[in-house]
Amino acid sequence: MRQNPARRAALLDAAIEVLAREGARGLTFRAVDTEAKVPNGTASNYFTNRDDLLTQVGHRFYERLTPDPGMLAASMEGPRDRDHVTRLMHDLVERISDFRSGYLALLELRLEATRRPELRRLLTERVRADLDFNVDNHLRSGMPGDETTVVLLYLALNWLIVERLTLPDVFPADRIHTLVTDVVERVLPGPGRPD
C-alpha cells in the first residue's frame, strides 16, 4: 500500500464527494480516481478493498469536521449561559451544513454500517467518543444543563441537519435559525427569549 498522506487524503476527499453524489453503490475505485483526477488504479494502490475505503472515509469525515484546538478554545469564551449554548449550537449546525457532502457521505456510511460490522464498529466508537467528549466538555466548562441536555441537543440537531441537507424544502432556510434556538430553549429551560 502506498503511503503518501496528501494523496491518500485527496483520494478520501474524492470518495466523500462520490458517496454524497452517487451513494454507496457508486463508490468504486474507478469513480474515486476519476473524482480525484488521478490515473486509473491509483485508489487501489492506497486501499486494500472497498471495506477499507469505506472505513477510511469514516475516519476522514471526522478528521475534517473536528474543530482545531483554537476554535474549541474560542468557543468556550464568554458567559456560561443558555445564550452561549444557543450560539454554539448555531455554529455547529452551520459548520456541519457547510460540509454538506461530508454529512451526506456519513449518512451513506451509516447505512452501509448496517451491513458491514467493521464499519459499524468504527462509526459506533467514533460517535460514542464524540458524544462523550461533548458531554465532558459541556460539564467541565460549566455550561448549564447536564448529560441529558447534551444528548437531547445531539439527537434533535442531527435530525434538523438531515432535513436541511436532504429535504431542504421541509423547513425553509430562514426558519432554521429559529428552530435551532427553539430546540435549545426547550431542552435547556431558562428565561424567555426577548421579542
Protein backbone atom coordinates (compact mmCIF):
# COMPACT_ATOMS: atom_id res chain seq x y z
CA MET A 1 0.00 0.00 0.00
CA ARG A 2 1.19 3.48 -0.86
CA GLN A 3 1.93 5.87 1.99
CA ASN A 4 1.72 9.39 0.52
CA PRO A 5 -0.52 11.10 3.15
CA ALA A 6 -1.50 14.02 0.90
CA ARG A 7 -2.53 11.68 -1.94
CA ARG A 8 -4.44 9.43 0.48
CA ALA A 9 -6.31 12.47 1.87
CA ALA A 10 -7.15 13.65 -1.67
CA LEU A 11 -8.48 10.21 -2.56
CA LEU A 12 -10.58 10.10 0.60
CA ASP A 13 -11.93 13.58 -0.08
CA ALA A 14 -12.83 12.40 -3.58
CA ALA A 15 -14.52 9.33 -2.08
CA ILE A 16 -16.61 11.59 0.17
CA GLU A 17 -17.79 13.52 -2.89
CA VAL A 18 -18.63 10.30 -4.76
CA LEU A 19 -20.54 8.90 -1.78
CA ALA A 20 -22.51 12.12 -1.36
CA ARG A 21 -23.37 12.36 -5.05
CA GLU A 22 -23.68 8.71 -6.16
CA GLY A 23 -24.38 6.82 -2.95
CA ALA A 24 -22.61 3.71 -1.74
CA ARG A 25 -23.36 1.81 -4.94
CA GLY A 26 -21.47 4.40 -6.94
CA LEU A 27 -18.37 4.25 -4.76
CA THR A 28 -15.81 2.38 -6.82
CA PHE A 29 -12.07 2.76 -7.07
CA ARG A 30 -12.52 3.98 -10.64
CA ALA A 31 -15.08 6.61 -9.53
CA VAL A 32 -12.69 7.80 -6.81
CA ASP A 33 -9.82 8.00 -9.29
CA THR A 34 -12.00 10.00 -11.70
CA GLU A 35 -13.19 12.39 -8.98
CA ALA A 36 -9.63 12.88 -7.70
CA LYS A 37 -8.38 13.38 -11.28
CA VAL A 38 -5.66 10.75 -10.89
CA PRO A 39 -4.72 7.84 -13.16
CA ASN A 40 -6.96 4.76 -13.03
CA GLY A 41 -5.68 2.29 -10.46
CA THR A 42 -4.42 4.92 -8.03
CA ALA A 43 -7.09 4.31 -5.36
CA SER A 44 -6.48 0.56 -5.46
CA ASN A 45 -2.84 1.27 -4.55
CA TYR A 46 -3.97 3.03 -1.36
CA PHE A 47 -6.87 0.91 -0.13
CA THR A 48 -6.93 -2.86 0.27
CA ASN A 49 -10.57 -3.22 -0.77
CA ARG A 50 -13.90 -1.41 -0.71
CA ASP A 51 -14.41 -2.08 3.02
CA ASP A 52 -11.04 -0.49 3.73
CA LEU A 53 -12.01 2.52 1.61
CA LEU A 54 -15.36 2.91 3.42
CA THR A 55 -13.68 2.67 6.81
CA GLN A 56 -11.01 5.20 5.84
CA VAL A 57 -13.73 7.58 4.56
CA GLY A 58 -15.33 7.39 8.01
CA HIS A 59 -12.04 8.42 9.61
CA ARG A 60 -11.54 11.22 7.08
CA PHE A 61 -15.01 12.68 7.65
CA TYR A 62 -14.33 13.10 11.35
CA GLU A 63 -10.82 14.35 10.70
CA ARG A 64 -12.20 17.14 8.52
CA LEU A 65 -15.09 18.01 10.81
CA THR A 66 -13.19 18.10 14.10
CA PRO A 67 -12.55 21.73 15.08
CA ASP A 68 -8.97 22.73 15.73
CA PRO A 69 -7.92 23.46 19.34
CA GLY A 70 -8.03 27.23 18.76
CA MET A 71 -11.63 27.05 17.59
CA LEU A 72 -12.54 24.92 20.61
CA ALA A 73 -10.87 27.37 22.99
CA ALA A 74 -12.63 30.32 21.36
CA SER A 75 -15.98 28.57 21.71
CA MET A 76 -15.51 28.46 25.47
CA GLU A 77 -15.01 32.21 25.84
CA GLY A 78 -17.84 34.25 27.32
CA PRO A 79 -20.57 33.63 29.86
CA ARG A 80 -21.72 30.09 30.60
CA ASP A 81 -25.43 30.51 29.97
CA ARG A 82 -28.20 29.36 27.65
CA ASP A 83 -27.48 32.14 25.16
CA HIS A 84 -23.92 30.88 24.85
CA VAL A 85 -25.13 27.30 24.31
CA THR A 86 -27.53 28.63 21.66
CA ARG A 87 -24.68 30.36 19.81
CA LEU A 88 -22.59 27.18 19.97
CA MET A 89 -25.46 25.14 18.54
CA HIS A 90 -25.98 27.64 15.70
CA ASP A 91 -22.25 27.45 14.92
CA LEU A 92 -22.36 23.65 15.00
CA VAL A 93 -25.34 23.41 12.65
CA GLU A 94 -23.69 25.84 10.23
CA ARG A 95 -20.30 24.10 10.35
CA ILE A 96 -21.83 20.69 9.63
CA SER A 97 -24.20 22.10 6.99
CA ASP A 98 -21.26 23.79 5.26
CA PHE A 99 -19.70 20.33 4.82
CA ARG A 100 -22.81 19.03 3.05
CA SER A 101 -21.05 16.36 1.02
CA GLY A 102 -19.33 15.06 4.15
CA TYR A 103 -22.56 14.75 6.09
CA LEU A 104 -24.36 13.09 3.18
CA ALA A 105 -21.42 10.68 2.85
CA LEU A 106 -21.72 9.95 6.57
CA LEU A 107 -25.39 9.08 6.10
CA GLU A 108 -24.37 6.66 3.35
CA LEU A 109 -21.72 5.20 5.66
CA ARG A 110 -24.30 4.72 8.39
CA LEU A 111 -26.49 2.75 6.00
CA GLU A 112 -23.50 0.67 4.90
CA ALA A 113 -22.64 0.07 8.57
CA THR A 114 -25.84 -1.93 8.95
CA ARG A 115 -24.24 -4.50 6.61
CA ARG A 116 -20.53 -4.13 7.43
CA PRO A 117 -19.50 -4.99 11.00
CA GLU A 118 -16.09 -3.27 10.82
CA LEU A 119 -17.64 -0.04 9.61
CA ARG A 120 -20.36 -0.30 12.26
CA ARG A 121 -17.68 -0.76 14.92
CA LEU A 122 -15.74 2.27 13.67
CA LEU A 123 -18.77 4.55 13.49
CA THR A 124 -20.13 3.37 16.84
CA GLU A 125 -16.79 4.02 18.53
CA ARG A 126 -16.36 7.39 16.86
CA VAL A 127 -19.87 8.68 17.52
CA ARG A 128 -19.72 7.44 21.12
CA ALA A 129 -16.31 9.11 21.63
CA ASP A 130 -17.59 12.39 20.15
CA LEU A 131 -20.69 12.31 22.31
CA ASP A 132 -18.63 11.52 25.42
CA PHE A 133 -16.22 14.36 24.56
CA ASN A 134 -19.11 16.80 24.11
CA VAL A 135 -20.75 15.78 27.37
CA ASP A 136 -17.44 16.02 29.25
CA ASN A 137 -16.57 19.36 27.65
CA HIS A 138 -20.04 20.74 28.41
CA LEU A 139 -19.91 19.70 32.05
CA ARG A 140 -16.27 20.75 32.65
CA SER A 141 -16.83 24.15 31.07
CA GLY A 142 -19.68 24.93 33.46
CA MET A 143 -22.36 25.27 30.79
CA PRO A 144 -25.93 24.96 32.02
CA GLY A 145 -27.58 21.57 31.76
CA ASP A 146 -26.40 18.02 32.22
CA GLU A 147 -25.52 14.94 30.19
CA THR A 148 -29.13 14.52 29.09
CA THR A 149 -29.13 18.11 27.80
CA VAL A 150 -26.18 17.34 25.52
CA VAL A 151 -27.69 14.05 24.30
CA LEU A 152 -31.05 15.68 23.52
CA LEU A 153 -29.36 18.54 21.65
CA TYR A 154 -27.30 15.99 19.70
CA LEU A 155 -30.38 14.00 18.72
CA ALA A 156 -32.58 16.96 17.82
CA LEU A 157 -29.99 18.95 15.90
CA ASN A 158 -28.72 15.94 13.97
CA TRP A 159 -32.18 15.33 12.59
CA LEU A 160 -32.61 19.02 11.80
CA ILE A 161 -29.36 18.84 9.82
CA VAL A 162 -30.60 15.73 7.99
CA GLU A 163 -33.76 17.60 6.98
CA ARG A 164 -31.80 20.67 5.96
CA LEU A 165 -29.38 18.72 3.76
CA THR A 166 -31.69 16.09 2.28
CA LEU A 167 -35.12 17.74 2.08
CA PRO A 168 -34.42 21.46 2.32
CA ASP A 169 -37.98 22.44 1.40
CA VAL A 170 -39.43 20.83 4.55
CA PHE A 171 -38.17 23.80 6.58
CA PRO A 172 -37.28 26.96 4.68
CA ALA A 173 -33.72 28.17 5.18
CA ASP A 174 -34.89 31.29 7.03
CA ARG A 175 -36.62 29.09 9.62
CA ILE A 176 -33.56 27.01 10.55
CA HIS A 177 -32.10 29.68 12.82
CA THR A 178 -35.35 29.93 14.79
CA LEU A 179 -35.65 26.16 15.04
CA VAL A 180 -32.15 25.79 16.46
CA THR A 181 -32.91 28.48 19.05
CA ASP A 182 -36.23 26.81 19.89
CA VAL A 183 -34.56 23.42 20.35
CA VAL A 184 -32.07 24.86 22.83
CA GLU A 185 -34.78 26.76 24.70
CA ARG A 186 -36.99 23.68 25.01
CA VAL A 187 -34.15 21.37 26.05
CA LEU A 188 -32.50 23.91 28.35
CA PRO A 189 -35.22 25.89 30.13
CA GLY A 190 -34.48 29.39 31.29
CA PRO A 191 -35.66 32.95 30.85
CA GLY A 192 -37.71 33.55 27.71
CA ARG A 193 -36.26 34.97 24.54
CA PRO A 194 -36.89 38.69 24.04
CA ASP A 195 -39.44 39.53 21.33
